[in-house]
């Protein structure tokens, strides 16, 4: 169970939590197209044209396979990272580092 600010944020087994989110790394336009209408927990610009997103993993298997063919790397996300993303105030990335004052 994940509790944040005194409220239950998430309740599921560890095995379900391992599958709860996936990382998408690839060309920015492609990964954002994949993330359209998905819950984005974390986003980061990687280099000039690439991005890394952590999104809720409710993709159809065929969608993930097609995305791999388009050059998107799909990775698992560590459970502790998922918990940090779910309880964070922002979606992350280098901009958040510079926006803290």
Foldseek 3Di string as FASTA:
>chain_A
DADEPNHDQDDDDPVVLQQQKKKKKDFPVLVVVVCVVWAWLAKEADPDGMIITITTPPDDPVVVVVSVVVVIDIGTDDSVVVSCSSRDPDRDYPVVVVPDD
